Protein backbone atom coordinates (compact mmCIF):
# COMPACT_ATOMS: atom_id res chain seq x y z
CA MET A 1 5.67 12.86 11.08
CA SER A 2 7.43 9.85 12.50
CA GLN A 3 5.56 7.01 13.64
CA LYS A 4 6.50 3.51 14.80
CA ASN A 5 8.68 2.05 11.81
CA ILE A 6 7.51 4.46 9.00
CA THR A 7 7.98 8.03 8.40
CA ILE A 8 5.39 10.54 6.85
CA ILE A 9 6.54 13.50 5.19
CA GLY A 10 4.46 16.64 3.60
CA GLU A 11 1.22 15.23 4.42
CA ASN A 12 -0.23 18.37 6.27
CA SER A 13 1.35 20.74 3.50
CA GLN A 14 0.36 18.72 0.36
CA SER A 15 -1.05 20.79 -2.35
CA VAL A 16 -0.93 18.65 -5.35
CA PRO A 17 -2.47 15.38 -5.74
CA PHE A 18 0.90 13.61 -5.97
CA VAL A 19 2.33 10.97 -3.56
CA LEU A 20 5.94 9.15 -3.41
CA ASP A 21 6.25 6.16 -1.17
CA SER A 22 9.57 4.07 -0.69
CA PRO A 23 8.76 0.43 1.02
CA HIS A 24 12.60 -0.59 0.58
CA SER A 25 14.80 1.98 1.66
CA GLY A 26 14.65 1.14 5.36
CA THR A 27 17.92 0.53 7.17
CA THR A 28 16.74 0.04 10.74
CA TYR A 29 17.16 -3.80 11.37
CA PRO A 30 14.76 -5.01 14.45
CA GLY A 31 16.61 -6.87 17.09
CA ASP A 32 14.37 -9.99 16.81
CA PHE A 33 15.35 -10.66 13.07
CA ASN A 34 17.63 -13.50 14.00
CA HIS A 35 18.77 -14.22 10.44
CA GLN A 36 21.78 -16.40 9.47
CA ALA A 37 23.04 -14.06 6.47
CA ASP A 38 26.18 -12.28 6.13
CA PHE A 39 24.81 -8.59 7.00
CA MET A 40 26.57 -7.17 3.81
CA LYS A 41 24.83 -9.58 1.62
CA LEU A 42 21.52 -8.93 3.45
CA ARG A 43 21.82 -5.46 2.66
CA GLN A 44 21.76 -6.01 -1.13
CA ALA A 45 17.82 -6.42 -0.68
CA GLU A 46 17.85 -2.72 0.59
CA ASP A 47 16.69 -0.03 -1.84
CA THR A 48 19.36 1.96 -0.24
CA TYR A 49 19.27 5.90 -0.95
CA VAL A 50 15.95 5.85 -2.82
CA ASP A 51 14.08 8.18 -0.29
CA GLU A 52 17.17 10.42 -0.68
CA LEU A 53 17.12 10.18 -4.53
CA PHE A 54 13.60 11.22 -4.75
CA ASP A 55 14.35 13.97 -2.11
CA PHE A 56 11.80 13.12 0.28
CA GLU A 57 13.07 15.25 3.04
CA ASN A 58 12.25 18.32 0.73
CA ALA A 59 9.28 16.88 -1.10
CA GLY A 60 6.95 18.55 1.41
CA GLN A 61 7.92 22.09 0.30
CA MET A 62 6.99 20.99 -3.27
CA GLY A 63 3.39 20.21 -2.05
CA ILE A 64 4.03 16.32 -2.29
CA ALA A 65 3.37 13.81 0.26
CA CYS A 66 5.76 11.13 0.98
CA LEU A 67 5.80 7.76 3.08
CA LYS A 68 8.73 5.73 3.74
CA ALA A 69 9.53 2.41 5.64
CA GLU A 70 12.21 2.53 8.31
CA PHE A 71 12.36 -1.28 8.32
CA PRO A 72 14.38 -3.61 5.80
CA ARG A 73 12.40 -5.64 3.23
CA SER A 74 14.24 -8.50 4.03
CA TYR A 75 12.34 -8.64 7.36
CA ILE A 76 9.01 -8.08 5.94
CA ASP A 77 8.11 -6.87 2.54
CA ALA A 78 5.48 -4.15 2.50
CA ASN A 79 5.37 -4.24 -1.31
CA ARG A 80 3.71 -7.85 -1.20
CA SER A 81 0.23 -8.89 -0.18
CA GLU A 82 0.18 -10.33 3.24
CA LYS A 83 -1.20 -13.45 1.67
CA ASP A 84 1.97 -14.07 -0.08
CA PHE A 85 3.70 -16.77 2.11
CA ASP A 86 3.93 -20.34 1.73
CA PRO A 87 2.56 -22.00 4.93
CA GLU A 88 4.64 -24.91 4.35
CA HIS A 89 7.72 -22.82 5.74
CA PHE A 90 5.70 -22.55 9.05
CA GLU A 91 7.10 -24.75 12.11
CA TYR A 92 3.65 -25.33 12.96
CA ILE A 93 0.17 -24.38 12.13
CA ASN A 94 -1.82 -22.25 14.71
CA ASN A 95 -4.96 -20.87 13.00
CA ALA A 96 -5.70 -18.94 16.31
CA ILE A 97 -2.66 -16.88 16.09
CA CYS A 98 -2.53 -16.65 12.19
CA ASP A 99 -5.73 -17.05 10.19
CA ILE A 100 -4.38 -15.36 6.93
CA PRO A 101 -5.71 -17.23 4.03
CA PHE A 102 -2.57 -17.52 2.23
CA ALA A 103 -2.05 -17.54 -1.59
CA PRO A 104 1.63 -17.82 -2.32
CA GLY A 105 2.71 -16.34 -5.69
CA VAL A 106 5.80 -16.21 -7.79
CA LYS A 107 7.45 -14.24 -5.32
CA SER A 108 7.11 -16.72 -2.54
CA LYS A 109 8.38 -19.26 -4.97
CA LEU A 110 11.64 -17.24 -5.57
CA GLY A 111 12.09 -16.86 -1.78
CA ILE A 112 11.22 -13.15 -1.60
CA GLY A 113 7.65 -13.20 -0.47
CA LEU A 114 6.04 -11.47 2.41
CA ILE A 115 8.87 -12.97 4.54
CA TRP A 116 12.07 -13.30 2.57
CA LEU A 117 13.44 -16.81 3.12
CA ARG A 118 16.55 -16.56 0.96
CA VAL A 119 19.61 -14.28 1.18
CA PRO A 120 20.41 -12.27 -1.90
CA PRO A 121 22.12 -12.45 -4.32
CA ASP A 122 22.74 -16.32 -4.30
CA GLY A 123 19.49 -17.70 -2.44
CA GLU A 124 21.05 -19.49 0.49
CA PRO A 125 18.58 -19.86 3.53
CA MET A 126 17.90 -16.78 5.26
CA TYR A 127 17.02 -18.70 8.56
CA ALA A 128 18.41 -21.76 10.73
CA SER A 129 14.87 -23.00 11.12
CA LYS A 130 11.26 -22.50 9.99
CA ILE A 131 9.22 -19.35 10.81
CA THR A 132 6.51 -19.33 13.48
CA PRO A 133 2.98 -18.14 13.22
CA GLU A 134 4.06 -15.70 16.10
CA ILE A 135 6.91 -14.47 14.34
CA LEU A 136 4.83 -13.75 11.05
CA MET A 137 2.09 -11.93 12.72
CA ASN A 138 4.17 -9.58 14.97
CA ARG A 139 5.83 -8.51 11.55
CA VAL A 140 2.53 -8.14 9.90
CA ASN A 141 0.91 -6.26 12.72
CA ASN A 142 3.66 -4.01 13.57
CA TYR A 143 5.25 -3.29 10.27
CA HIS A 144 3.37 -4.59 7.06
CA ARG A 145 -0.09 -3.42 8.05
CA PRO A 146 0.93 0.00 9.60
CA TYR A 147 2.76 0.96 6.21
CA HIS A 148 -0.39 -0.18 4.09
CA LYS A 149 -2.69 1.69 6.49
CA ALA A 150 -0.56 4.97 6.10
CA LEU A 151 -0.29 4.86 2.38
CA GLN A 152 -3.85 4.07 1.96
CA THR A 153 -4.87 6.82 4.33
CA ILE A 154 -2.65 9.36 2.46
CA LEU A 155 -4.11 8.34 -0.90
CA ASN A 156 -7.50 8.29 0.32
CA ASN A 157 -7.09 11.69 1.81
CA THR A 158 -5.52 13.13 -1.33
CA TYR A 159 -8.57 11.63 -3.51
CA GLN A 160 -11.20 13.21 -1.30
CA GLN A 161 -9.44 16.81 -1.72
CA HIS A 162 -8.56 16.52 -5.47
CA LYS A 163 -10.82 13.68 -6.83
CA GLN A 164 -7.49 12.14 -8.30
CA PHE A 165 -4.36 10.99 -6.99
CA TYR A 166 -0.88 10.33 -9.05
CA HIS A 167 1.30 7.86 -6.92
CA ILE A 168 4.91 6.89 -7.66
CA ASN A 169 6.01 3.82 -5.86
CA CYS A 170 10.06 4.22 -5.81
CA HIS A 171 12.47 1.43 -5.94
CA SER A 172 15.93 0.61 -6.98
CA MET A 173 17.23 -2.52 -8.62
CA GLN A 174 20.49 -4.42 -9.17
CA ASN A 175 22.31 -3.98 -12.41
CA HIS A 176 22.40 -7.71 -13.18
CA ALA A 177 19.77 -10.23 -12.27
CA SER A 178 20.58 -12.27 -9.18
CA ALA A 179 19.67 -15.98 -8.67
CA MET A 180 16.74 -14.85 -6.94
CA SER A 181 15.17 -13.20 -10.01
CA GLU A 182 12.70 -14.09 -12.45
CA GLN A 183 15.14 -13.31 -15.16
CA PRO A 184 18.06 -15.50 -16.07
CA LYS A 185 21.03 -14.75 -13.44
CA GLY A 186 23.32 -11.94 -14.89
CA THR A 187 20.87 -10.41 -17.24
CA LEU A 188 21.78 -6.80 -17.50
CA ARG A 189 19.09 -4.14 -16.53
CA PRO A 190 18.30 -0.86 -18.21
CA ASP A 191 18.62 2.37 -16.56
CA PHE A 192 15.10 2.86 -15.47
CA VAL A 193 12.10 0.41 -15.54
CA ILE A 194 8.61 1.84 -15.43
CA GLY A 195 5.75 -0.42 -14.34
CA ASP A 196 2.08 0.18 -14.34
CA ARG A 197 1.14 -3.63 -14.66
CA ASP A 198 0.47 -3.71 -18.39
CA GLY A 199 -1.64 -0.33 -18.24
CA THR A 200 -3.85 -1.50 -15.58
CA THR A 201 -2.87 0.76 -12.62
CA ALA A 202 -2.31 4.44 -14.21
CA GLU A 203 -3.57 6.30 -17.25
CA ARG A 204 -1.21 6.05 -20.35
CA ALA A 205 -0.40 10.02 -20.02
CA PHE A 206 0.75 9.49 -16.66
CA ARG A 207 3.38 6.83 -17.78
CA ASP A 208 4.22 8.84 -20.63
CA VAL A 209 5.34 11.95 -19.18
CA ILE A 210 7.48 9.90 -16.78
CA VAL A 211 9.18 7.92 -19.73
CA SER A 212 9.71 10.97 -21.93
CA THR A 213 11.08 12.81 -19.07
CA LEU A 214 13.76 10.02 -18.44
CA LYS A 215 14.61 9.54 -21.98
CA HIS A 216 14.98 13.37 -22.65
CA LEU A 217 17.63 13.16 -19.73
CA ASN A 218 19.58 10.30 -21.95
CA TYR A 219 18.48 7.10 -19.70
CA ASN A 220 17.67 3.75 -21.09
CA VAL A 221 14.08 3.21 -20.10
CA THR A 222 11.84 0.00 -20.54
CA VAL A 223 8.15 -0.29 -19.52
CA ASN A 224 6.76 -3.43 -17.49
CA ASP A 225 9.99 -5.28 -18.60
CA PRO A 226 11.40 -6.87 -16.14
CA TYR A 227 9.29 -5.32 -13.46
CA LYS A 228 5.50 -4.55 -13.89
CA GLY A 229 4.92 -3.45 -10.26
CA VAL A 230 3.82 -5.38 -7.33
CA GLU A 231 1.36 -4.96 -4.48
CA LEU A 232 1.59 -1.31 -3.69
CA VAL A 233 0.76 -0.18 -7.30
CA SER A 234 -2.11 -2.77 -7.65
CA ALA A 235 -3.79 -2.58 -4.31
CA TYR A 236 -5.16 1.14 -4.35
CA SER A 237 -5.14 2.22 -7.90
CA ASN A 238 -7.97 2.45 -10.29
CA PRO A 239 -7.31 4.53 -13.28
CA VAL A 240 -10.93 4.55 -14.40
CA ILE A 241 -11.93 6.71 -11.37
CA HIS A 242 -8.30 8.66 -11.59
CA LYS A 243 -6.50 6.54 -8.87
CA ASN A 244 -2.99 6.46 -10.64
CA SER A 245 -0.09 4.24 -9.37
CA ILE A 246 3.26 3.70 -11.10
CA GLN A 247 6.35 1.74 -10.06
CA VAL A 248 9.89 3.50 -10.62
CA GLU A 249 12.82 1.22 -10.71
CA VAL A 250 16.19 2.99 -10.56
CA ASN A 251 19.36 1.09 -11.56
CA ARG A 252 21.77 1.08 -8.69
CA LYS A 253 24.82 1.42 -10.70
CA LEU A 254 23.77 4.97 -11.51
CA TYR A 255 24.12 6.17 -7.98
CA MET A 256 26.15 3.69 -5.65
CA ASN A 257 28.52 0.82 -5.43
CA GLU A 258 26.31 -2.32 -4.91
CA VAL A 259 28.68 -4.33 -2.81
CA THR A 260 29.91 -1.71 -0.38
CA ARG A 261 26.54 0.32 -0.52
CA GLU A 262 28.47 3.44 -0.72
CA LYS A 263 27.47 6.46 -3.02
CA ASN A 264 29.54 6.70 -6.20
CA GLU A 265 30.66 9.86 -8.23
CA SER A 266 26.98 9.91 -10.08
CA PHE A 267 25.16 10.04 -7.06
CA ILE A 268 24.36 13.88 -7.24
CA LYS A 269 23.95 13.81 -10.87
CA THR A 270 21.35 11.17 -10.60
CA LYS A 271 19.53 12.90 -7.68
CA ASN A 272 19.26 16.05 -9.60
CA ASN A 273 17.80 14.34 -12.73
CA ILE A 274 15.26 12.37 -10.61
CA LYS A 275 14.51 16.01 -9.13
CA ILE A 276 13.84 17.19 -12.49
CA LEU A 277 11.55 14.08 -13.19
CA VAL A 278 9.59 14.79 -9.99
CA GLN A 279 8.95 18.36 -10.94
CA GLU A 280 8.00 17.49 -14.61
CA VAL A 281 5.69 15.22 -13.27
CA LYS A 282 4.17 17.78 -10.52
CA ASN A 283 3.92 20.37 -13.43
CA TRP A 284 1.97 17.99 -15.62
CA ILE A 285 -0.53 17.21 -12.80
CA ILE A 286 -0.97 20.97 -12.23
CA ASN A 287 -1.23 21.66 -15.97
CA LYS A 288 -3.73 18.70 -16.06
CA GLN A 289 -5.94 20.09 -13.11
CA GLY A 290 -6.02 23.36 -14.83
CA LYS A 291 -7.77 22.13 -18.09
């Protein structure tokens, strides 16, 4: 089912408490973006093809529910709290238009908070002038909040039916850290990073089946380093009551040319291996339900 700016797949055929979402693979750039970036540099913010790697199109046939953003993260980032913006970047303050109690975090300081203000990978200014409250609230109301509402609805419905959910928040990462990273520029990344915010967003066994499957497929895997997961794994999870969310980051070198955005010769292999991962997680969930 397609709604404005988002796509939901498999919600009506879901048979397993398994949910995938991809907040950053959108490639439909709104006409009012008004950035000053070189477009191909701007595209480096995209998790290009991630929804395809995780086979969202066919996930519904596996009984899995999926959600993807159609808009780009550089326009507004669904994997941020709507409070993650520094009001110092407003052209002017108007509390009648925008009354969000902002609490900018480290991502805002890096220029990649709710509204991206820097262009990857070198961090030059995204806009020629500051953001207005009207611009921010248009993006929040028409893009950010609908995405969160859709994910929360899918997770709530899953939980009501199954008394549990297992949610993978799907992402990709550059092979080397950019100037906009918390890591030193140029730091080499592993093949996969699994994030559960230091064990607070998912039960350990869920993380273990993901890590062990990827390692069995001969990938280099790290846990919570350098990515622990951000808003979408923390906002709706609570492993104490069987609400489990984990972030999975795939290194882009495994499946595409990071400059041209074209799929490379390993794309099909990577997609097939991620299909194995999804199937293994699904089997683990089914087995766990049967105990």
